[in-house]
């Protein structure tokens, strides 16, 4: 995923979590905030240390980034979001990770037609 598609700064993370809307399923929590002046969405990924060792956490982050890369053309361009992994997500295969993210994005109406 390109750098322009990432939320990296702690201030931005905190602003999205504090003032954004959220929705969760068993695997992930998504916080999002709509912005009108963007040409593409941005996403930040958080996988806590309690979920596993670095190898497992980095694998999950790679799977999440790949899922967003595949869904890039379908996601609404004027949104910033933070995705937080839950305990149930650590050993999921790629297709389950992607389906879980699609489920959340559909529930939040973040797909555009």
N, C-alpha and C. Protein backbone atom coordinates (compact mmCIF):
# COMPACT_ATOMS: atom_id res chain seq x y z
N UNK A 1 0.84 -1.17 0.00
CA UNK A 1 0.00 0.00 0.00
C UNK A 1 0.89 1.24 0.00
N UNK A 2 0.55 2.21 -0.82
CA UNK A 2 1.35 3.42 -0.94
C UNK A 2 1.29 4.24 0.34
N UNK A 3 2.34 5.03 0.57
CA UNK A 3 2.39 5.86 1.77
C UNK A 3 1.24 6.85 1.84
N UNK A 4 0.79 7.32 0.71
CA UNK A 4 -0.31 8.29 0.69
C UNK A 4 -1.61 7.69 1.21
N UNK A 5 -1.71 6.38 1.25
CA UNK A 5 -2.92 5.70 1.70
C UNK A 5 -2.86 5.33 3.19
N UNK A 6 -1.81 5.77 3.90
CA UNK A 6 -1.64 5.37 5.29
C UNK A 6 -1.84 6.53 6.25
N UNK A 7 -2.40 6.22 7.40
CA UNK A 7 -2.43 7.15 8.52
C UNK A 7 -1.28 6.72 9.42
N UNK A 8 -0.30 7.58 9.63
CA UNK A 8 0.90 7.20 10.36
C UNK A 8 1.09 7.96 11.68
N UNK A 9 0.68 9.20 11.74
CA UNK A 9 0.99 10.02 12.89
C UNK A 9 0.05 9.74 14.06
N UNK A 10 0.61 9.75 15.26
CA UNK A 10 -0.16 9.47 16.47
C UNK A 10 -1.30 10.48 16.63
N UNK A 11 -1.08 11.75 16.31
CA UNK A 11 -2.14 12.76 16.41
C UNK A 11 -3.33 12.40 15.53
N UNK A 12 -3.04 11.93 14.33
CA UNK A 12 -4.12 11.56 13.41
C UNK A 12 -4.87 10.34 13.94
N UNK A 13 -4.14 9.34 14.45
CA UNK A 13 -4.77 8.17 15.04
C UNK A 13 -5.72 8.60 16.16
N UNK A 14 -5.23 9.42 17.07
CA UNK A 14 -6.02 9.84 18.22
C UNK A 14 -7.24 10.65 17.79
N UNK A 15 -7.10 11.52 16.80
CA UNK A 15 -8.22 12.33 16.32
C UNK A 15 -9.31 11.45 15.71
N UNK A 16 -8.91 10.45 14.94
CA UNK A 16 -9.89 9.57 14.31
C UNK A 16 -10.61 8.74 15.37
N UNK A 17 -9.87 8.22 16.34
CA UNK A 17 -10.48 7.40 17.38
C UNK A 17 -11.38 8.25 18.28
N UNK A 18 -10.95 9.46 18.59
CA UNK A 18 -11.71 10.31 19.50
C UNK A 18 -13.01 10.84 18.87
N UNK A 19 -12.92 11.31 17.64
CA UNK A 19 -14.09 11.96 17.05
C UNK A 19 -14.78 11.13 15.97
N UNK A 20 -14.24 9.97 15.66
CA UNK A 20 -14.81 9.15 14.59
C UNK A 20 -15.91 8.23 15.06
N UNK A 21 -16.59 7.64 14.10
CA UNK A 21 -17.60 6.62 14.37
C UNK A 21 -16.92 5.27 14.32
N UNK A 22 -17.55 4.27 14.93
CA UNK A 22 -16.90 2.96 14.96
C UNK A 22 -17.92 1.85 14.76
N UNK A 23 -17.39 0.71 14.38
CA UNK A 23 -18.17 -0.51 14.26
C UNK A 23 -17.20 -1.68 14.43
N UNK A 24 -17.70 -2.79 14.95
CA UNK A 24 -16.81 -3.92 15.22
C UNK A 24 -17.49 -5.22 14.87
N UNK A 25 -16.68 -6.22 14.58
CA UNK A 25 -17.12 -7.61 14.52
C UNK A 25 -16.14 -8.41 15.37
N UNK A 26 -16.15 -9.71 15.26
CA UNK A 26 -15.30 -10.53 16.13
C UNK A 26 -13.81 -10.33 15.89
N UNK A 27 -13.43 -9.98 14.68
CA UNK A 27 -12.02 -9.92 14.33
C UNK A 27 -11.43 -8.51 14.38
N UNK A 28 -12.21 -7.49 14.04
CA UNK A 28 -11.66 -6.15 13.89
C UNK A 28 -12.62 -5.10 14.43
N UNK A 29 -12.04 -3.93 14.74
CA UNK A 29 -12.80 -2.71 15.06
C UNK A 29 -12.35 -1.67 14.05
N UNK A 30 -13.30 -0.96 13.46
CA UNK A 30 -12.96 0.12 12.53
C UNK A 30 -13.50 1.43 13.09
N UNK A 31 -12.62 2.41 13.20
CA UNK A 31 -13.00 3.79 13.50
C UNK A 31 -12.81 4.56 12.19
N UNK A 32 -13.75 5.44 11.89
CA UNK A 32 -13.61 6.19 10.65
C UNK A 32 -14.15 7.60 10.81
N UNK A 33 -13.61 8.47 9.99
CA UNK A 33 -14.05 9.86 9.94
C UNK A 33 -14.08 10.26 8.47
N UNK A 34 -15.13 10.98 8.09
CA UNK A 34 -15.25 11.40 6.70
C UNK A 34 -14.59 12.76 6.50
N UNK A 35 -13.85 12.88 5.40
CA UNK A 35 -13.20 14.13 5.02
C UNK A 35 -13.55 14.41 3.57
N UNK A 36 -13.90 15.64 3.29
CA UNK A 36 -14.36 15.99 1.94
C UNK A 36 -13.24 16.40 1.01
N UNK A 37 -12.07 16.71 1.52
CA UNK A 37 -11.01 17.28 0.68
C UNK A 37 -9.97 16.26 0.23
N UNK A 38 -10.30 14.98 0.24
CA UNK A 38 -9.34 13.94 -0.13
C UNK A 38 -9.69 13.32 -1.48
N UNK A 39 -8.68 12.82 -2.15
CA UNK A 39 -8.91 12.14 -3.42
C UNK A 39 -8.88 10.62 -3.25
N UNK A 40 -8.44 10.14 -2.08
CA UNK A 40 -8.40 8.70 -1.81
C UNK A 40 -8.52 8.47 -0.31
N UNK A 41 -8.91 7.27 0.06
CA UNK A 41 -9.03 6.92 1.47
C UNK A 41 -7.65 6.76 2.09
N UNK A 42 -7.59 6.80 3.43
CA UNK A 42 -6.37 6.51 4.16
C UNK A 42 -6.72 5.54 5.29
N UNK A 43 -5.80 4.65 5.60
CA UNK A 43 -6.05 3.66 6.64
C UNK A 43 -4.84 3.53 7.55
N UNK A 44 -5.11 3.37 8.84
CA UNK A 44 -4.09 3.08 9.83
C UNK A 44 -4.38 1.72 10.43
N UNK A 45 -3.35 0.95 10.72
CA UNK A 45 -3.52 -0.41 11.22
C UNK A 45 -2.88 -0.51 12.59
N UNK A 46 -3.62 -1.09 13.54
CA UNK A 46 -3.10 -1.28 14.88
C UNK A 46 -3.28 -2.74 15.29
N UNK A 47 -2.17 -3.39 15.62
CA UNK A 47 -2.19 -4.77 16.11
C UNK A 47 -1.37 -4.77 17.41
N UNK A 48 -2.05 -4.95 18.53
CA UNK A 48 -1.39 -4.83 19.82
C UNK A 48 -0.47 -5.99 20.15
N UNK A 49 0.43 -5.75 21.10
CA UNK A 49 1.41 -6.77 21.49
C UNK A 49 0.79 -7.97 22.17
N UNK A 50 -0.38 -7.81 22.74
CA UNK A 50 -1.04 -8.92 23.43
C UNK A 50 -1.48 -10.01 22.46
N UNK A 51 -1.55 -9.68 21.17
CA UNK A 51 -2.07 -10.64 20.19
C UNK A 51 -1.07 -11.70 19.78
N UNK A 52 0.20 -11.45 19.98
CA UNK A 52 1.18 -12.46 19.59
C UNK A 52 2.55 -11.84 19.42
N UNK A 53 3.46 -12.67 18.98
CA UNK A 53 4.82 -12.21 18.76
C UNK A 53 4.89 -11.39 17.47
N UNK A 54 6.02 -10.74 17.24
CA UNK A 54 6.18 -9.81 16.12
C UNK A 54 5.89 -10.46 14.78
N UNK A 55 6.28 -11.72 14.60
CA UNK A 55 6.07 -12.40 13.33
C UNK A 55 4.57 -12.51 13.04
N UNK A 56 3.78 -12.88 14.04
CA UNK A 56 2.34 -13.01 13.86
C UNK A 56 1.68 -11.66 13.62
N UNK A 57 2.10 -10.65 14.38
CA UNK A 57 1.51 -9.31 14.22
C UNK A 57 1.82 -8.74 12.85
N UNK A 58 3.07 -8.89 12.39
CA UNK A 58 3.44 -8.37 11.08
C UNK A 58 2.74 -9.11 9.95
N UNK A 59 2.53 -10.41 10.11
CA UNK A 59 1.79 -11.19 9.11
C UNK A 59 0.37 -10.65 8.98
N UNK A 60 -0.27 -10.42 10.13
CA UNK A 60 -1.65 -9.91 10.11
C UNK A 60 -1.70 -8.53 9.46
N UNK A 61 -0.75 -7.67 9.76
CA UNK A 61 -0.73 -6.35 9.13
C UNK A 61 -0.55 -6.45 7.62
N UNK A 62 0.30 -7.37 7.17
CA UNK A 62 0.47 -7.57 5.72
C UNK A 62 -0.84 -8.02 5.08
N UNK A 63 -1.56 -8.93 5.74
CA UNK A 63 -2.83 -9.42 5.19
C UNK A 63 -3.86 -8.29 5.13
N UNK A 64 -3.91 -7.46 6.15
CA UNK A 64 -4.86 -6.34 6.16
C UNK A 64 -4.53 -5.35 5.05
N UNK A 65 -3.24 -5.02 4.90
CA UNK A 65 -2.84 -4.10 3.83
C UNK A 65 -3.18 -4.67 2.45
N UNK A 66 -2.97 -5.96 2.26
CA UNK A 66 -3.28 -6.60 0.98
C UNK A 66 -4.79 -6.55 0.71
N UNK A 67 -5.59 -6.78 1.73
CA UNK A 67 -7.04 -6.73 1.56
C UNK A 67 -7.47 -5.32 1.14
N UNK A 68 -6.93 -4.30 1.78
CA UNK A 68 -7.27 -2.93 1.40
C UNK A 68 -6.76 -2.60 0.00
N UNK A 69 -5.61 -3.14 -0.38
CA UNK A 69 -5.09 -2.90 -1.72
C UNK A 69 -6.03 -3.49 -2.78
N UNK A 70 -6.56 -4.68 -2.51
CA UNK A 70 -7.50 -5.30 -3.45
C UNK A 70 -8.83 -4.57 -3.51
N UNK A 71 -9.25 -4.00 -2.38
CA UNK A 71 -10.55 -3.33 -2.31
C UNK A 71 -10.45 -1.84 -2.64
N UNK A 72 -9.28 -1.38 -2.98
CA UNK A 72 -8.99 0.04 -3.17
C UNK A 72 -10.00 0.75 -4.08
N UNK A 73 -10.38 0.15 -5.19
CA UNK A 73 -11.26 0.81 -6.15
C UNK A 73 -12.70 0.88 -5.66
N UNK A 74 -13.06 0.09 -4.66
CA UNK A 74 -14.45 0.05 -4.19
C UNK A 74 -14.69 0.89 -2.94
N UNK A 75 -13.63 1.33 -2.27
CA UNK A 75 -13.79 2.07 -1.02
C UNK A 75 -13.99 3.55 -1.30
N UNK A 76 -14.90 4.16 -0.57
CA UNK A 76 -15.18 5.59 -0.70
C UNK A 76 -13.90 6.40 -0.52
N UNK A 77 -13.62 7.36 -1.40
CA UNK A 77 -12.34 8.06 -1.35
C UNK A 77 -12.20 9.09 -0.23
N UNK A 78 -13.28 9.57 0.33
CA UNK A 78 -13.19 10.67 1.29
C UNK A 78 -13.35 10.19 2.73
N UNK A 79 -12.51 9.24 3.13
CA UNK A 79 -12.60 8.71 4.49
C UNK A 79 -11.21 8.34 5.00
N UNK A 80 -11.00 8.62 6.29
CA UNK A 80 -9.82 8.14 7.00
C UNK A 80 -10.31 7.09 7.98
N UNK A 81 -9.60 5.98 8.11
CA UNK A 81 -10.04 4.94 9.03
C UNK A 81 -8.86 4.30 9.75
N UNK A 82 -9.17 3.80 10.93
CA UNK A 82 -8.22 3.04 11.74
C UNK A 82 -8.82 1.66 11.93
N UNK A 83 -8.06 0.63 11.65
CA UNK A 83 -8.52 -0.73 11.87
C UNK A 83 -7.68 -1.34 13.00
N UNK A 84 -8.37 -1.83 14.02
CA UNK A 84 -7.72 -2.41 15.18
C UNK A 84 -8.04 -3.90 15.20
N UNK A 85 -7.00 -4.71 15.27
CA UNK A 85 -7.17 -6.17 15.27
C UNK A 85 -7.55 -6.65 16.67
N UNK A 86 -8.42 -7.64 16.71
CA UNK A 86 -8.81 -8.29 17.96
C UNK A 86 -8.15 -9.66 18.04
N UNK A 87 -8.25 -10.27 19.21
CA UNK A 87 -7.60 -11.55 19.49
C UNK A 87 -7.97 -12.64 18.46
N UNK A 88 -9.22 -12.67 18.03
CA UNK A 88 -9.69 -13.71 17.10
C UNK A 88 -9.06 -13.63 15.71
N UNK A 89 -8.43 -12.52 15.40
CA UNK A 89 -7.94 -12.32 14.04
C UNK A 89 -6.52 -12.82 13.81
N UNK A 90 -5.80 -13.17 14.83
CA UNK A 90 -4.36 -13.37 14.71
C UNK A 90 -3.98 -14.56 13.81
N UNK A 91 -4.73 -15.63 13.80
CA UNK A 91 -4.36 -16.80 13.00
C UNK A 91 -5.27 -17.04 11.81
N UNK A 92 -6.02 -16.02 11.40
CA UNK A 92 -6.94 -16.20 10.28
C UNK A 92 -6.21 -16.29 8.95
N UNK A 93 -6.74 -17.08 8.03
CA UNK A 93 -6.21 -17.08 6.66
C UNK A 93 -6.65 -15.80 5.93
N UNK A 94 -6.01 -15.51 4.82
CA UNK A 94 -6.26 -14.26 4.10
C UNK A 94 -7.72 -14.07 3.71
N UNK A 95 -8.37 -15.10 3.20
CA UNK A 95 -9.75 -14.93 2.74
C UNK A 95 -10.69 -14.55 3.88
N UNK A 96 -10.46 -15.05 5.07
CA UNK A 96 -11.29 -14.69 6.23
C UNK A 96 -11.01 -13.24 6.66
N UNK A 97 -9.75 -12.82 6.60
CA UNK A 97 -9.41 -11.44 6.94
C UNK A 97 -10.12 -10.49 5.97
N UNK A 98 -10.02 -10.79 4.68
CA UNK A 98 -10.64 -9.93 3.68
C UNK A 98 -12.16 -9.90 3.83
N UNK A 99 -12.79 -11.06 4.05
CA UNK A 99 -14.24 -11.11 4.22
C UNK A 99 -14.69 -10.33 5.44
N UNK A 100 -13.92 -10.39 6.51
CA UNK A 100 -14.26 -9.65 7.71
C UNK A 100 -14.19 -8.14 7.47
N UNK A 101 -13.17 -7.71 6.76
CA UNK A 101 -13.03 -6.28 6.43
C UNK A 101 -14.15 -5.83 5.51
N UNK A 102 -14.48 -6.65 4.51
CA UNK A 102 -15.58 -6.32 3.60
C UNK A 102 -16.88 -6.21 4.38
N UNK A 103 -17.13 -7.10 5.32
CA UNK A 103 -18.33 -7.06 6.15
C UNK A 103 -18.43 -5.73 6.89
N UNK A 104 -17.33 -5.30 7.51
CA UNK A 104 -17.34 -4.03 8.24
C UNK A 104 -17.57 -2.84 7.32
N UNK A 105 -16.90 -2.83 6.18
CA UNK A 105 -17.04 -1.70 5.26
C UNK A 105 -18.45 -1.62 4.69
N UNK A 106 -19.08 -2.77 4.43
CA UNK A 106 -20.47 -2.77 3.95
C UNK A 106 -21.41 -2.25 5.02
N UNK A 107 -21.21 -2.67 6.26
CA UNK A 107 -22.06 -2.22 7.35
C UNK A 107 -21.95 -0.71 7.58
N UNK A 108 -20.79 -0.16 7.30
CA UNK A 108 -20.56 1.27 7.49
C UNK A 108 -20.86 2.09 6.24
N UNK A 109 -21.29 1.45 5.17
CA UNK A 109 -21.58 2.12 3.90
C UNK A 109 -20.37 2.88 3.37
N UNK A 110 -19.19 2.28 3.46
CA UNK A 110 -17.98 2.91 2.95
C UNK A 110 -17.59 2.42 1.57
N UNK A 111 -18.42 1.58 0.97
CA UNK A 111 -18.21 1.21 -0.42
C UNK A 111 -19.00 2.18 -1.28
N UNK A 112 -18.39 2.65 -2.37
CA UNK A 112 -19.15 3.49 -3.31
C UNK A 112 -19.50 2.66 -4.53
N UNK A 113 -20.51 3.12 -5.23
CA UNK A 113 -21.01 2.34 -6.38
C UNK A 113 -20.23 2.66 -7.63
